[in-house]
Amino acid sequence: MTARRVLFLCSRHRLRSPTAAEVFRAWPRLEVDSAGLADDAETPLSADQLDWAELIVVMEASHRRRLRSRYGSRLRGKRVVCLDIPDRYDFMQPELVELLLRKAGPLLR
């Protein structure tokens, strides 16, 4: 069975999407990557990452809107899921890890 390729996105790629990638990296049959949608993101989203991903997981509805407006044509055939996790957590904060496991875990099993 091949691995599913999952891309996690947040605004600046400092807290939420790097935490998600760290949490799900060890899950079987998953390949994960992460990036940010803001111009000043630590790791800005690239077209190559979008082309690679099968499932794109964003943290907020505004991320989905920004993704669609900038990269709409590259999203054809790709599933984009919003977790509705606000930007109020630190990297690997236990409450953030719990939210990610509860909201994204069922999608990734």
N, C-alpha and C. Protein backbone atom coordinates (compact mmCIF):
# COMPACT_ATOMS: atom_id res chain seq x y z
N MET A 1 0.84 -1.19 0.00
CA MET A 1 0.00 0.00 0.00
C MET A 1 0.89 1.25 0.00
N THR A 2 0.57 2.19 -0.85
CA THR A 2 1.39 3.41 -0.94
C THR A 2 0.98 4.40 0.15
N ALA A 3 1.90 5.26 0.47
CA ALA A 3 1.66 6.27 1.50
C ALA A 3 0.81 7.41 0.94
N ARG A 4 -0.07 7.95 1.77
CA ARG A 4 -0.83 9.14 1.41
C ARG A 4 0.05 10.36 1.67
N ARG A 5 0.03 11.30 0.75
CA ARG A 5 0.84 12.51 0.87
C ARG A 5 -0.05 13.65 1.38
N VAL A 6 0.26 14.13 2.59
CA VAL A 6 -0.56 15.13 3.27
C VAL A 6 0.26 16.39 3.50
N LEU A 7 -0.31 17.52 3.10
CA LEU A 7 0.33 18.82 3.27
C LEU A 7 -0.48 19.63 4.28
N PHE A 8 0.19 20.09 5.34
CA PHE A 8 -0.43 20.93 6.37
C PHE A 8 -0.03 22.38 6.13
N LEU A 9 -1.03 23.28 6.17
CA LEU A 9 -0.77 24.69 5.92
C LEU A 9 -1.34 25.56 7.04
N CYS A 10 -0.57 26.59 7.41
CA CYS A 10 -1.06 27.64 8.29
C CYS A 10 -0.55 28.96 7.73
N SER A 11 -0.55 29.99 8.52
CA SER A 11 -0.15 31.31 7.99
C SER A 11 1.36 31.43 7.82
N ARG A 12 2.08 31.37 8.93
CA ARG A 12 3.51 31.70 8.88
C ARG A 12 4.43 30.49 9.06
N HIS A 13 3.86 29.29 9.16
CA HIS A 13 4.63 28.06 9.29
C HIS A 13 5.58 28.11 10.49
N ARG A 14 5.04 28.54 11.61
CA ARG A 14 5.87 28.58 12.82
C ARG A 14 5.32 27.68 13.92
N LEU A 15 4.00 27.53 14.00
CA LEU A 15 3.41 26.84 15.14
C LEU A 15 2.49 25.68 14.75
N ARG A 16 1.39 25.99 14.10
CA ARG A 16 0.38 24.95 13.86
C ARG A 16 0.78 23.91 12.82
N SER A 17 1.12 24.32 11.60
CA SER A 17 1.44 23.31 10.58
C SER A 17 2.73 22.55 10.89
N PRO A 18 3.77 23.19 11.46
CA PRO A 18 4.94 22.38 11.85
C PRO A 18 4.60 21.37 12.95
N THR A 19 3.70 21.76 13.87
CA THR A 19 3.28 20.81 14.91
C THR A 19 2.53 19.65 14.27
N ALA A 20 1.63 19.94 13.35
CA ALA A 20 0.87 18.88 12.68
C ALA A 20 1.81 17.91 11.95
N ALA A 21 2.78 18.46 11.25
CA ALA A 21 3.73 17.59 10.53
C ALA A 21 4.50 16.72 11.51
N GLU A 22 4.90 17.28 12.63
CA GLU A 22 5.64 16.53 13.64
C GLU A 22 4.77 15.43 14.24
N VAL A 23 3.53 15.74 14.55
CA VAL A 23 2.62 14.78 15.17
C VAL A 23 2.33 13.59 14.25
N PHE A 24 2.10 13.88 12.96
CA PHE A 24 1.66 12.82 12.05
C PHE A 24 2.80 12.18 11.25
N ARG A 25 3.99 12.68 11.38
CA ARG A 25 5.14 12.14 10.63
C ARG A 25 5.35 10.65 10.88
N ALA A 26 5.12 10.19 12.09
CA ALA A 26 5.39 8.79 12.44
C ALA A 26 4.22 7.86 12.14
N TRP A 27 3.10 8.41 11.69
CA TRP A 27 1.95 7.56 11.41
C TRP A 27 2.23 6.68 10.20
N PRO A 28 1.78 5.42 10.25
CA PRO A 28 2.03 4.53 9.12
C PRO A 28 1.26 4.98 7.87
N ARG A 29 1.86 4.73 6.74
CA ARG A 29 1.27 5.01 5.42
C ARG A 29 0.95 6.49 5.20
N LEU A 30 1.71 7.37 5.87
CA LEU A 30 1.56 8.80 5.64
C LEU A 30 2.92 9.40 5.33
N GLU A 31 2.94 10.27 4.35
CA GLU A 31 4.08 11.16 4.12
C GLU A 31 3.53 12.55 4.36
N VAL A 32 4.23 13.35 5.15
CA VAL A 32 3.70 14.67 5.50
C VAL A 32 4.71 15.76 5.15
N ASP A 33 4.16 16.94 4.90
CA ASP A 33 4.96 18.14 4.68
C ASP A 33 4.14 19.30 5.22
N SER A 34 4.78 20.45 5.37
CA SER A 34 4.05 21.62 5.86
C SER A 34 4.67 22.89 5.32
N ALA A 35 3.86 23.95 5.32
CA ALA A 35 4.32 25.25 4.81
C ALA A 35 3.37 26.32 5.32
N GLY A 36 3.72 27.57 4.99
CA GLY A 36 2.88 28.70 5.36
C GLY A 36 2.41 29.45 4.13
N LEU A 37 1.27 30.11 4.27
CA LEU A 37 0.68 30.85 3.16
C LEU A 37 1.06 32.33 3.15
N ALA A 38 1.59 32.85 4.25
CA ALA A 38 1.95 34.27 4.31
C ALA A 38 3.25 34.51 3.55
N ASP A 39 3.40 35.73 3.05
CA ASP A 39 4.62 36.08 2.32
C ASP A 39 5.87 35.97 3.18
N ASP A 40 5.71 36.15 4.50
CA ASP A 40 6.87 36.09 5.40
C ASP A 40 6.95 34.76 6.16
N ALA A 41 6.33 33.71 5.62
CA ALA A 41 6.34 32.40 6.28
C ALA A 41 7.76 31.86 6.39
N GLU A 42 8.00 31.10 7.45
CA GLU A 42 9.30 30.44 7.64
C GLU A 42 9.63 29.56 6.44
N THR A 43 8.65 28.79 6.00
CA THR A 43 8.74 27.97 4.79
C THR A 43 7.52 28.30 3.94
N PRO A 44 7.68 29.18 2.95
CA PRO A 44 6.53 29.55 2.12
C PRO A 44 6.08 28.37 1.25
N LEU A 45 4.79 28.28 1.03
CA LEU A 45 4.23 27.24 0.19
C LEU A 45 4.80 27.33 -1.22
N SER A 46 5.15 26.16 -1.78
CA SER A 46 5.66 26.12 -3.15
C SER A 46 4.68 25.34 -4.03
N ALA A 47 4.72 25.62 -5.32
CA ALA A 47 3.90 24.89 -6.28
C ALA A 47 4.24 23.40 -6.26
N ASP A 48 5.51 23.07 -6.05
CA ASP A 48 5.92 21.67 -5.99
C ASP A 48 5.23 20.94 -4.83
N GLN A 49 5.10 21.61 -3.70
CA GLN A 49 4.42 20.98 -2.56
C GLN A 49 2.95 20.71 -2.90
N LEU A 50 2.31 21.66 -3.55
CA LEU A 50 0.91 21.46 -3.94
C LEU A 50 0.77 20.31 -4.92
N ASP A 51 1.66 20.23 -5.88
CA ASP A 51 1.62 19.16 -6.87
C ASP A 51 1.83 17.80 -6.21
N TRP A 52 2.70 17.76 -5.19
CA TRP A 52 3.03 16.53 -4.47
C TRP A 52 1.85 16.03 -3.63
N ALA A 53 1.11 16.93 -3.00
CA ALA A 53 0.09 16.57 -2.01
C ALA A 53 -1.15 15.94 -2.63
N GLU A 54 -1.69 14.96 -1.91
CA GLU A 54 -2.98 14.39 -2.25
C GLU A 54 -4.08 15.01 -1.40
N LEU A 55 -3.75 15.28 -0.15
CA LEU A 55 -4.68 15.90 0.79
C LEU A 55 -4.01 17.14 1.36
N ILE A 56 -4.74 18.25 1.35
CA ILE A 56 -4.22 19.51 1.89
C ILE A 56 -5.08 19.87 3.10
N VAL A 57 -4.41 20.08 4.24
CA VAL A 57 -5.12 20.38 5.48
C VAL A 57 -4.72 21.78 5.92
N VAL A 58 -5.72 22.67 5.98
CA VAL A 58 -5.48 24.05 6.42
C VAL A 58 -6.05 24.22 7.82
N MET A 59 -5.53 25.22 8.54
CA MET A 59 -5.95 25.43 9.92
C MET A 59 -7.17 26.33 10.05
N GLU A 60 -7.39 27.27 9.11
CA GLU A 60 -8.49 28.22 9.20
C GLU A 60 -9.15 28.39 7.83
N ALA A 61 -10.41 28.82 7.85
CA ALA A 61 -11.14 29.06 6.60
C ALA A 61 -10.43 30.10 5.74
N SER A 62 -9.81 31.10 6.37
CA SER A 62 -9.09 32.12 5.60
C SER A 62 -7.92 31.51 4.82
N HIS A 63 -7.32 30.46 5.36
CA HIS A 63 -6.24 29.78 4.63
C HIS A 63 -6.78 29.11 3.37
N ARG A 64 -7.95 28.49 3.49
CA ARG A 64 -8.55 27.84 2.32
C ARG A 64 -8.86 28.89 1.25
N ARG A 65 -9.42 30.03 1.66
CA ARG A 65 -9.73 31.09 0.70
C ARG A 65 -8.46 31.59 0.01
N ARG A 66 -7.43 31.84 0.78
CA ARG A 66 -6.16 32.33 0.21
C ARG A 66 -5.56 31.30 -0.73
N LEU A 67 -5.60 30.05 -0.33
CA LEU A 67 -5.08 28.97 -1.16
C LEU A 67 -5.82 28.91 -2.49
N ARG A 68 -7.15 28.97 -2.44
CA ARG A 68 -7.94 28.89 -3.67
C ARG A 68 -7.71 30.10 -4.56
N SER A 69 -7.58 31.29 -3.97
CA SER A 69 -7.40 32.48 -4.82
C SER A 69 -6.02 32.51 -5.47
N ARG A 70 -5.01 32.02 -4.78
CA ARG A 70 -3.65 32.03 -5.35
C ARG A 70 -3.32 30.84 -6.23
N TYR A 71 -3.85 29.68 -5.87
CA TYR A 71 -3.43 28.43 -6.52
C TYR A 71 -4.59 27.60 -7.04
N GLY A 72 -5.72 28.23 -7.32
CA GLY A 72 -6.93 27.50 -7.69
C GLY A 72 -6.72 26.42 -8.74
N SER A 73 -6.01 26.72 -9.80
CA SER A 73 -5.85 25.74 -10.88
C SER A 73 -5.02 24.54 -10.44
N ARG A 74 -4.13 24.71 -9.49
CA ARG A 74 -3.31 23.60 -9.00
C ARG A 74 -4.07 22.70 -8.03
N LEU A 75 -5.25 23.11 -7.61
CA LEU A 75 -6.00 22.35 -6.61
C LEU A 75 -6.99 21.38 -7.23
N ARG A 76 -7.10 21.37 -8.55
CA ARG A 76 -8.05 20.46 -9.20
C ARG A 76 -7.77 19.02 -8.80
N GLY A 77 -8.81 18.34 -8.35
CA GLY A 77 -8.67 16.94 -7.97
C GLY A 77 -8.08 16.72 -6.59
N LYS A 78 -7.82 17.79 -5.87
CA LYS A 78 -7.23 17.66 -4.54
C LYS A 78 -8.28 17.97 -3.48
N ARG A 79 -8.22 17.24 -2.39
CA ARG A 79 -9.13 17.50 -1.28
C ARG A 79 -8.47 18.50 -0.34
N VAL A 80 -9.20 19.57 -0.01
CA VAL A 80 -8.73 20.58 0.93
C VAL A 80 -9.67 20.56 2.13
N VAL A 81 -9.11 20.31 3.31
CA VAL A 81 -9.90 20.21 4.54
C VAL A 81 -9.46 21.29 5.51
N CYS A 82 -10.43 21.94 6.16
CA CYS A 82 -10.15 22.97 7.15
C CYS A 82 -10.41 22.40 8.54
N LEU A 83 -9.43 22.54 9.44
CA LEU A 83 -9.57 22.03 10.81
C LEU A 83 -10.18 23.04 11.78
N ASP A 84 -10.26 24.31 11.39
CA ASP A 84 -10.76 25.37 12.29
C ASP A 84 -9.99 25.41 13.61
N ILE A 85 -8.68 25.50 13.51
CA ILE A 85 -7.83 25.63 14.69
C ILE A 85 -7.22 27.04 14.68
N PRO A 86 -7.61 27.88 15.64
CA PRO A 86 -7.12 29.27 15.66
C PRO A 86 -5.63 29.36 16.02
N ASP A 87 -5.08 30.50 15.71
CA ASP A 87 -3.65 30.75 15.95
C ASP A 87 -3.43 31.24 17.38
N ARG A 88 -3.58 30.33 18.33
CA ARG A 88 -3.36 30.73 19.72
C ARG A 88 -2.61 29.66 20.51
N TYR A 89 -1.85 28.84 19.80
CA TYR A 89 -1.10 27.76 20.44
C TYR A 89 0.38 27.88 20.10
N ASP A 90 1.21 27.35 20.99
CA ASP A 90 2.64 27.29 20.75
C ASP A 90 2.98 25.98 20.04
N PHE A 91 4.18 25.92 19.48
CA PHE A 91 4.66 24.71 18.82
C PHE A 91 4.64 23.55 19.81
N MET A 92 4.00 22.46 19.43
CA MET A 92 3.90 21.22 20.20
C MET A 92 3.19 21.39 21.55
N GLN A 93 2.43 22.47 21.71
CA GLN A 93 1.64 22.65 22.93
C GLN A 93 0.67 21.48 23.05
N PRO A 94 0.57 20.86 24.24
CA PRO A 94 -0.29 19.68 24.38
C PRO A 94 -1.73 19.89 23.91
N GLU A 95 -2.29 21.06 24.15
CA GLU A 95 -3.66 21.32 23.70
C GLU A 95 -3.76 21.34 22.18
N LEU A 96 -2.73 21.84 21.52
CA LEU A 96 -2.70 21.84 20.05
C LEU A 96 -2.56 20.42 19.53
N VAL A 97 -1.68 19.64 20.13
CA VAL A 97 -1.51 18.24 19.72
C VAL A 97 -2.82 17.48 19.87
N GLU A 98 -3.52 17.69 20.98
CA GLU A 98 -4.81 17.04 21.22
C GLU A 98 -5.83 17.43 20.15
N LEU A 99 -5.91 18.72 19.83
CA LEU A 99 -6.83 19.19 18.80
C LEU A 99 -6.51 18.56 17.45
N LEU A 100 -5.24 18.52 17.10
CA LEU A 100 -4.84 17.94 15.82
C LEU A 100 -5.20 16.46 15.75
N LEU A 101 -4.94 15.73 16.82
CA LEU A 101 -5.26 14.31 16.84
C LEU A 101 -6.77 14.10 16.72
N ARG A 102 -7.55 14.93 17.40
CA ARG A 102 -9.01 14.78 17.39
C ARG A 102 -9.61 15.18 16.04
N LYS A 103 -9.10 16.29 15.45
CA LYS A 103 -9.70 16.81 14.22
C LYS A 103 -9.11 16.20 12.95
N ALA A 104 -7.81 16.00 12.91
CA ALA A 104 -7.17 15.47 11.70
C ALA A 104 -6.99 13.95 11.74
N GLY A 105 -6.85 13.41 12.94
CA GLY A 105 -6.62 11.97 13.07
C GLY A 105 -7.59 11.11 12.29
N PRO A 106 -8.92 11.34 12.45
CA PRO A 106 -9.88 10.51 11.71
C PRO A 106 -9.74 10.61 10.18
N LEU A 107 -9.30 11.77 9.68
CA LEU A 107 -9.09 11.93 8.23
C LEU A 107 -7.91 11.12 7.72
N LEU A 108 -6.96 10.86 8.62
CA LEU A 108 -5.68 10.29 8.21
C LEU A 108 -5.55 8.80 8.50
N ARG A 109 -6.52 8.23 9.15
CA ARG A 109 -6.46 6.80 9.48
C ARG A 109 -6.64 5.95 8.26
